[in-house]
Amino acid sequence: MNLSKRLQAVATLVDIKARVIDVGCDHAYIDIYLTLNNDNKCIATDINKNALEIAKKNIKKYDLENKIETKLTNGLTDIKVKDKDNIVISGMGTFTILEILKTNKLSNTLIISSNNNIDILRREVINLGYYIDSEIFLIDKNKPYIIIKFIKGIKKYNKIDILLGPILKNNIEYKKYIIKKYKNILNNISKKKILLRLKYKLMILGLKLV
């Protein structure tokens, strides 16, 4: 099975043979891939009935009905999460992800790819008692993606670690992307907003010095 670059990156962070809870599974492509290649057992969940029906058809196509469980549910509701599970959440916004994480029992391993507000995601998941084990940055079909693996435990991080990521802050391609992003924002800020423009100028300068 061929996965998108983003889903391939997510799959590389999943522990081999771990049970995977794929929240918002969409068409269950990653569940099928992990079951076939990593010997993972998967629970594919989605709040969208139509998406889950397509997931079921895809699972049946690969004769994996006995290995991949599907569940129509909101987030992790009605899922009995175990400490050794890998919870995968990919393709949602940060605030939706945080709502799921803050209202349910969690495992020791979270693998998350958010569509936005990555710095807020880092800060809030760290505050839940996790540290950042791995980070991946990639461009897939002209869209940037960041995938983060969080492990239960405590580590201290500074503001740059939260903004850029303790691992990605050393990634030259990622820093170039962030600097370009902030420059585009700066160019669209009115010259009358002196303090806001100064904020972004200082952030760009700080990024160049990291």
C-alpha atoms as a PDB file:
ATOM      1  CA  MET A   1       0.000   0.000   0.000  1.00  0.00           C
ATOM      2  CA  ASN A   2       1.304   3.449  -0.940  1.00  0.00           C
ATOM      3  CA  LEU A   3       0.969   6.141   1.728  1.00  0.00           C
ATOM      4  CA  SER A   4       1.347   9.899   1.403  1.00  0.00           C
ATOM      5  CA  LYS A   5       4.666  11.308   2.628  1.00  0.00           C
ATOM      6  CA  ARG A   6       2.917  12.631   5.725  1.00  0.00           C
ATOM      7  CA  LEU A   7       1.397   9.285   6.668  1.00  0.00           C
ATOM      8  CA  GLN A   8       4.675   7.516   5.939  1.00  0.00           C
ATOM      9  CA  ALA A   9       6.374   9.861   8.389  1.00  0.00           C
ATOM     10  CA  VAL A  10       3.685   9.188  11.001  1.00  0.00           C
ATOM     11  CA  ALA A  11       4.153   5.439  10.502  1.00  0.00           C
ATOM     12  CA  THR A  12       7.909   5.655  11.140  1.00  0.00           C
ATOM     13  CA  LEU A  13       7.226   6.967  14.655  1.00  0.00           C
ATOM     14  CA  VAL A  14       4.852   4.148  15.647  1.00  0.00           C
ATOM     15  CA  ASP A  15       6.286   1.451  17.908  1.00  0.00           C
ATOM     16  CA  ILE A  16       6.439  -1.927  16.176  1.00  0.00           C
ATOM     17  CA  LYS A  17       3.809  -4.380  17.437  1.00  0.00           C
ATOM     18  CA  ALA A  18       2.179  -1.752  19.676  1.00  0.00           C
ATOM     19  CA  ARG A  19      -1.589  -1.415  19.622  1.00  0.00           C
ATOM     20  CA  VAL A  20      -2.461   1.745  17.700  1.00  0.00           C
ATOM     21  CA  ILE A  21      -5.518   3.895  18.342  1.00  0.00           C
ATOM     22  CA  ASP A  22      -5.945   5.983  15.199  1.00  0.00           C
ATOM     23  CA  VAL A  23      -8.195   8.910  16.106  1.00  0.00           C
ATOM     24  CA  GLY A  24      -9.893  10.389  13.047  1.00  0.00           C
ATOM     25  CA  CYS A  25      -8.787   7.478  10.879  1.00  0.00           C
ATOM     26  CA  ASP A  26     -10.443   8.827   7.709  1.00  0.00           C
ATOM     27  CA  HIS A  27     -10.004   5.932   5.233  1.00  0.00           C
ATOM     28  CA  ALA A  28      -7.799   3.796   7.536  1.00  0.00           C
ATOM     29  CA  TYR A  29      -4.808   3.829   5.190  1.00  0.00           C
ATOM     30  CA  ILE A  30      -2.251   4.072   7.985  1.00  0.00           C
ATOM     31  CA  ASP A  31      -3.990   1.322   9.962  1.00  0.00           C
ATOM     32  CA  ILE A  32      -3.810  -1.019   6.992  1.00  0.00           C
ATOM     33  CA  TYR A  33      -0.174  -0.133   6.369  1.00  0.00           C
ATOM     34  CA  LEU A  34       0.849  -0.651  10.004  1.00  0.00           C
ATOM     35  CA  THR A  35      -1.003  -3.954  10.242  1.00  0.00           C
ATOM     36  CA  LEU A  36       0.631  -5.284   7.087  1.00  0.00           C
ATOM     37  CA  ASN A  37       4.143  -3.967   7.706  1.00  0.00           C
ATOM     38  CA  ASN A  38       4.672  -3.428  11.449  1.00  0.00           C
ATOM     39  CA  ASP A  39       2.519  -6.197  12.900  1.00  0.00           C
ATOM     40  CA  ASN A  40       0.495  -3.556  14.753  1.00  0.00           C
ATOM     41  CA  LYS A  41      -3.043  -4.108  15.969  1.00  0.00           C
ATOM     42  CA  CYS A  42      -5.161  -1.057  15.252  1.00  0.00           C
ATOM     43  CA  ILE A  43      -8.378   0.559  16.386  1.00  0.00           C
ATOM     44  CA  ALA A  44      -9.542   2.920  13.654  1.00  0.00           C
ATOM     45  CA  THR A  45     -11.957   5.536  14.981  1.00  0.00           C
ATOM     46  CA  ASP A  46     -13.812   8.391  13.349  1.00  0.00           C
ATOM     47  CA  ILE A  47     -16.723  10.661  14.196  1.00  0.00           C
ATOM     48  CA  ASN A  48     -17.788  10.724  10.534  1.00  0.00           C
ATOM     49  CA  LYS A  49     -19.970   7.724   9.630  1.00  0.00           C
ATOM     50  CA  ASN A  50     -19.293   7.999   5.885  1.00  0.00           C
ATOM     51  CA  ALA A  51     -15.522   8.116   6.401  1.00  0.00           C
ATOM     52  CA  LEU A  52     -15.694   5.068   8.663  1.00  0.00           C
ATOM     53  CA  GLU A  53     -17.735   3.139   6.097  1.00  0.00           C
ATOM     54  CA  ILE A  54     -15.031   3.789   3.500  1.00  0.00           C
ATOM     55  CA  ALA A  55     -12.435   2.711   6.074  1.00  0.00           C
ATOM     56  CA  LYS A  56     -14.321  -0.556   6.588  1.00  0.00           C
ATOM     57  CA  LYS A  57     -14.393  -1.204   2.830  1.00  0.00           C
ATOM     58  CA  ASN A  58     -10.644  -0.582   2.580  1.00  0.00           C
ATOM     59  CA  ILE A  59      -9.975  -2.895   5.523  1.00  0.00           C
ATOM     60  CA  LYS A  60     -12.118  -5.610   3.944  1.00  0.00           C
ATOM     61  CA  LYS A  61     -10.253  -5.194   0.659  1.00  0.00           C
ATOM     62  CA  TYR A  62      -7.068  -6.307   2.439  1.00  0.00           C
ATOM     63  CA  ASP A  63      -8.837  -9.046   4.459  1.00  0.00           C
ATOM     64  CA  LEU A  64      -7.953  -7.366   7.736  1.00  0.00           C
ATOM     65  CA  GLU A  65     -11.386  -7.302   9.388  1.00  0.00           C
ATOM     66  CA  ASN A  66     -10.091  -9.582  12.167  1.00  0.00           C
ATOM     67  CA  LYS A  67      -7.028  -7.423  12.837  1.00  0.00           C
ATOM     68  CA  ILE A  68      -8.326  -3.851  12.588  1.00  0.00           C
ATOM     69  CA  GLU A  69     -11.218  -2.798  14.796  1.00  0.00           C
ATOM     70  CA  THR A  70     -13.352   0.160  13.687  1.00  0.00           C
ATOM     71  CA  LYS A  71     -15.345   2.389  15.976  1.00  0.00           C
ATOM     72  CA  LEU A  72     -17.705   5.287  15.315  1.00  0.00           C
ATOM     73  CA  THR A  73     -16.925   7.656  18.168  1.00  0.00           C
ATOM     74  CA  ASN A  74     -15.828  11.161  19.073  1.00  0.00           C
ATOM     75  CA  GLY A  75     -12.101  11.145  19.736  1.00  0.00           C
ATOM     76  CA  LEU A  76     -11.226   8.564  22.393  1.00  0.00           C
ATOM     77  CA  THR A  77     -14.740   8.269  23.821  1.00  0.00           C
ATOM     78  CA  ASP A  78     -15.606   4.655  24.720  1.00  0.00           C
ATOM     79  CA  ILE A  79     -12.055   3.479  24.006  1.00  0.00           C
ATOM     80  CA  LYS A  80     -10.286   1.572  26.789  1.00  0.00           C
ATOM     81  CA  VAL A  81      -6.831   3.073  26.472  1.00  0.00           C
ATOM     82  CA  LYS A  82      -3.840   1.103  27.781  1.00  0.00           C
ATOM     83  CA  ASP A  83      -0.516   2.638  28.835  1.00  0.00           C
ATOM     84  CA  LYS A  84       1.447   0.873  26.078  1.00  0.00           C
ATOM     85  CA  ASP A  85      -0.890   1.969  23.267  1.00  0.00           C
ATOM     86  CA  ASN A  86       0.266   4.406  20.597  1.00  0.00           C
ATOM     87  CA  ILE A  87      -2.387   7.098  20.139  1.00  0.00           C
ATOM     88  CA  VAL A  88      -2.171   8.606  16.638  1.00  0.00           C
ATOM     89  CA  ILE A  89      -3.958  11.855  15.807  1.00  0.00           C
ATOM     90  CA  SER A  90      -3.291  13.308  12.376  1.00  0.00           C
ATOM     91  CA  GLY A  91      -4.995  15.922  10.228  1.00  0.00           C
ATOM     92  CA  MET A  92      -6.891  17.887  12.872  1.00  0.00           C
ATOM     93  CA  GLY A  93      -6.386  21.377  14.283  1.00  0.00           C
ATOM     94  CA  THR A  94      -4.526  21.869  17.547  1.00  0.00           C
ATOM     95  CA  PHE A  95      -7.529  22.975  19.606  1.00  0.00           C
ATOM     96  CA  THR A  96      -9.585  19.966  18.514  1.00  0.00           C
ATOM     97  CA  ILE A  97      -6.651  17.694  19.366  1.00  0.00           C
ATOM     98  CA  LEU A  98      -6.206  19.297  22.782  1.00  0.00           C
ATOM     99  CA  GLU A  99      -9.894  18.910  23.552  1.00  0.00           C
ATOM    100  CA  ILE A 100      -9.551  15.171  22.899  1.00  0.00           C
ATOM    101  CA  LEU A 101      -6.361  14.861  24.948  1.00  0.00           C
ATOM    102  CA  LYS A 102      -7.624  16.836  27.925  1.00  0.00           C
ATOM    103  CA  THR A 103     -10.908  14.965  28.302  1.00  0.00           C
ATOM    104  CA  ASN A 104      -9.771  11.350  28.008  1.00  0.00           C
ATOM    105  CA  LYS A 105      -7.414   8.805  29.534  1.00  0.00           C
ATOM    106  CA  LEU A 106      -4.175   8.768  27.546  1.00  0.00           C
ATOM    107  CA  SER A 107      -1.417   6.270  26.837  1.00  0.00           C
ATOM    108  CA  ASN A 108       2.301   6.824  27.371  1.00  0.00           C
ATOM    109  CA  THR A 109       2.898   7.501  23.662  1.00  0.00           C
ATOM    110  CA  LEU A 110       1.207  10.137  21.504  1.00  0.00           C
ATOM    111  CA  ILE A 111       2.007  10.698  17.822  1.00  0.00           C
ATOM    112  CA  ILE A 112       0.434  13.904  16.594  1.00  0.00           C
ATOM    113  CA  SER A 113       0.365  15.857  13.347  1.00  0.00           C
ATOM    114  CA  SER A 114      -1.630  19.072  13.719  1.00  0.00           C
ATOM    115  CA  ASN A 115      -2.718  21.432  10.944  1.00  0.00           C
ATOM    116  CA  ASN A 116      -1.917  24.591  12.910  1.00  0.00           C
ATOM    117  CA  ASN A 117      -0.636  26.260  16.117  1.00  0.00           C
ATOM    118  CA  ILE A 118       2.214  23.799  16.620  1.00  0.00           C
ATOM    119  CA  ASP A 119       3.800  25.887  19.383  1.00  0.00           C
ATOM    120  CA  ILE A 120       0.556  25.788  21.387  1.00  0.00           C
ATOM    121  CA  LEU A 121       0.334  22.025  20.822  1.00  0.00           C
ATOM    122  CA  ARG A 122       3.877  21.519  22.135  1.00  0.00           C
ATOM    123  CA  ARG A 123       3.302  23.677  25.203  1.00  0.00           C
ATOM    124  CA  GLU A 124      -0.028  22.136  26.175  1.00  0.00           C
ATOM    125  CA  VAL A 125       0.974  18.496  25.658  1.00  0.00           C
ATOM    126  CA  ILE A 126       4.169  19.104  27.639  1.00  0.00           C
ATOM    127  CA  ASN A 127       1.974  20.562  30.394  1.00  0.00           C
ATOM    128  CA  LEU A 128       0.020  17.297  30.362  1.00  0.00           C
ATOM    129  CA  GLY A 129       3.217  15.532  31.454  1.00  0.00           C
ATOM    130  CA  TYR A 130       4.900  14.527  28.190  1.00  0.00           C
ATOM    131  CA  TYR A 131       8.275  15.234  26.595  1.00  0.00           C
ATOM    132  CA  ILE A 132       9.141  15.436  22.905  1.00  0.00           C
ATOM    133  CA  ASP A 133      10.890  12.284  21.707  1.00  0.00           C
ATOM    134  CA  SER A 134      10.916  12.918  17.936  1.00  0.00           C
ATOM    135  CA  GLU A 135       9.926  15.624  15.453  1.00  0.00           C
ATOM    136  CA  ILE A 136       9.657  15.439  11.678  1.00  0.00           C
ATOM    137  CA  PHE A 137       9.197  18.317   9.246  1.00  0.00           C
ATOM    138  CA  LEU A 138       8.306  17.659   5.621  1.00  0.00           C
ATOM    139  CA  ILE A 139       6.617  19.149   2.581  1.00  0.00           C
ATOM    140  CA  ASP A 140       3.955  16.967   0.980  1.00  0.00           C
ATOM    141  CA  LYS A 141       2.186  18.243  -2.141  1.00  0.00           C
ATOM    142  CA  ASN A 142       3.393  21.780  -1.388  1.00  0.00           C
ATOM    143  CA  LYS A 143       1.979  21.702   2.153  1.00  0.00           C
ATOM    144  CA  PRO A 144       4.175  21.775   5.269  1.00  0.00           C
ATOM    145  CA  TYR A 145       3.637  19.155   7.964  1.00  0.00           C
ATOM    146  CA  ILE A 146       5.105  18.583  11.409  1.00  0.00           C
ATOM    147  CA  ILE A 147       4.773  15.256  13.178  1.00  0.00           C
ATOM    148  CA  ILE A 148       5.668  14.996  16.857  1.00  0.00           C
ATOM    149  CA  LYS A 149       6.090  11.939  19.064  1.00  0.00           C
ATOM    150  CA  PHE A 150       5.392  12.659  22.728  1.00  0.00           C
ATOM    151  CA  ILE A 151       6.375  10.253  25.517  1.00  0.00           C
ATOM    152  CA  LYS A 152       5.106  10.320  29.100  1.00  0.00           C
ATOM    153  CA  GLY A 153       7.731  12.029  31.253  1.00  0.00           C
ATOM    154  CA  ILE A 154       9.181  15.379  32.221  1.00  0.00           C
ATOM    155  CA  LYS A 155      11.823  17.513  30.496  1.00  0.00           C
ATOM    156  CA  LYS A 156      12.476  21.232  30.690  1.00  0.00           C
ATOM    157  CA  TYR A 157      12.124  23.379  27.581  1.00  0.00           C
ATOM    158  CA  ASN A 158      12.818  27.027  26.803  1.00  0.00           C
ATOM    159  CA  LYS A 159      10.792  29.416  24.632  1.00  0.00           C
ATOM    160  CA  ILE A 160      12.719  28.530  21.468  1.00  0.00           C
ATOM    161  CA  ASP A 161      12.083  24.829  22.108  1.00  0.00           C
ATOM    162  CA  ILE A 162       8.345  25.523  22.291  1.00  0.00           C
ATOM    163  CA  LEU A 163       8.325  27.813  19.257  1.00  0.00           C
ATOM    164  CA  LEU A 164      10.546  25.767  16.941  1.00  0.00           C
ATOM    165  CA  GLY A 165      10.746  22.406  18.662  1.00  0.00           C
ATOM    166  CA  PRO A 166      13.734  21.078  20.641  1.00  0.00           C
ATOM    167  CA  ILE A 167      14.715  18.878  17.701  1.00  0.00           C
ATOM    168  CA  LEU A 168      13.484  20.898  14.715  1.00  0.00           C
ATOM    169  CA  LYS A 169      15.276  24.058  15.905  1.00  0.00           C
ATOM    170  CA  ASN A 170      18.413  22.416  14.493  1.00  0.00           C
ATOM    171  CA  ASN A 171      16.767  21.624  11.155  1.00  0.00           C
ATOM    172  CA  ILE A 172      17.967  24.186   8.582  1.00  0.00           C
ATOM    173  CA  GLU A 173      15.128  23.507   6.114  1.00  0.00           C
ATOM    174  CA  TYR A 174      12.545  24.017   8.848  1.00  0.00           C
ATOM    175  CA  LYS A 175      14.113  27.268  10.072  1.00  0.00           C
ATOM    176  CA  LYS A 176      14.146  28.619   6.520  1.00  0.00           C
ATOM    177  CA  TYR A 177      10.457  27.754   6.214  1.00  0.00           C
ATOM    178  CA  ILE A 178       9.571  29.513   9.491  1.00  0.00           C
ATOM    179  CA  ILE A 179      11.616  32.623   8.636  1.00  0.00           C
ATOM    180  CA  LYS A 180       9.919  32.842   5.230  1.00  0.00           C
ATOM    181  CA  LYS A 181       6.517  32.428   6.913  1.00  0.00           C
ATOM    182  CA  TYR A 182       7.212  35.260   9.383  1.00  0.00           C
ATOM    183  CA  LYS A 183       8.553  37.513   6.634  1.00  0.00           C
ATOM    184  CA  ASN A 184       5.316  37.033   4.682  1.00  0.00           C
ATOM    185  CA  ILE A 185       3.324  37.920   7.802  1.00  0.00           C
ATOM    186  CA  LEU A 186       5.512  40.974   8.386  1.00  0.00           C
ATOM    187  CA  ASN A 187       4.999  42.181   4.817  1.00  0.00           C
ATOM    188  CA  ASN A 188       1.229  42.134   5.353  1.00  0.00           C
ATOM    189  CA  ILE A 189       1.257  44.068   8.636  1.00  0.00           C
ATOM    190  CA  SER A 190       0.406  47.750   8.334  1.00  0.00           C
ATOM    191  CA  LYS A 191       3.353  50.105   8.922  1.00  0.00           C
ATOM    192  CA  LYS A 192       1.179  51.868  11.479  1.00  0.00           C
ATOM    193  CA  LYS A 193       1.347  48.794  13.713  1.00  0.00           C
ATOM    194  CA  ILE A 194       4.875  49.525  14.869  1.00  0.00           C
ATOM    195  CA  LEU A 195       4.979  47.213  17.892  1.00  0.00           C
ATOM    196  CA  LEU A 196       3.563  44.224  15.997  1.00  0.00           C
ATOM    197  CA  ARG A 197       6.051  44.745  13.172  1.00  0.00           C
ATOM    198  CA  LEU A 198       8.869  45.022  15.702  1.00  0.00           C
ATOM    199  CA  LYS A 199       7.737  41.750  17.303  1.00  0.00           C
ATOM    200  CA  TYR A 200       8.056  39.857  14.016  1.00  0.00           C
ATOM    201  CA  LYS A 201      11.350  41.546  13.129  1.00  0.00           C
ATOM    202  CA  LEU A 202      12.790  40.424  16.463  1.00  0.00           C
ATOM    203  CA  MET A 203      11.418  36.898  15.976  1.00  0.00           C
ATOM    204  CA  ILE A 204      13.025  36.673  12.531  1.00  0.00           C
ATOM    205  CA  LEU A 205      16.315  37.964  13.918  1.00  0.00           C
ATOM    206  CA  GLY A 206      16.144  35.507  16.813  1.00  0.00           C
ATOM    207  CA  LEU A 207      15.520  32.607  14.454  1.00  0.00           C
ATOM    208  CA  LYS A 208      18.555  33.534  12.376  1.00  0.00           C
ATOM    209  CA  LEU A 209      20.696  33.519  15.506  1.00  0.00           C
ATOM    210  CA  VAL A 210      19.506  30.115  16.774  1.00  0.00           C
END
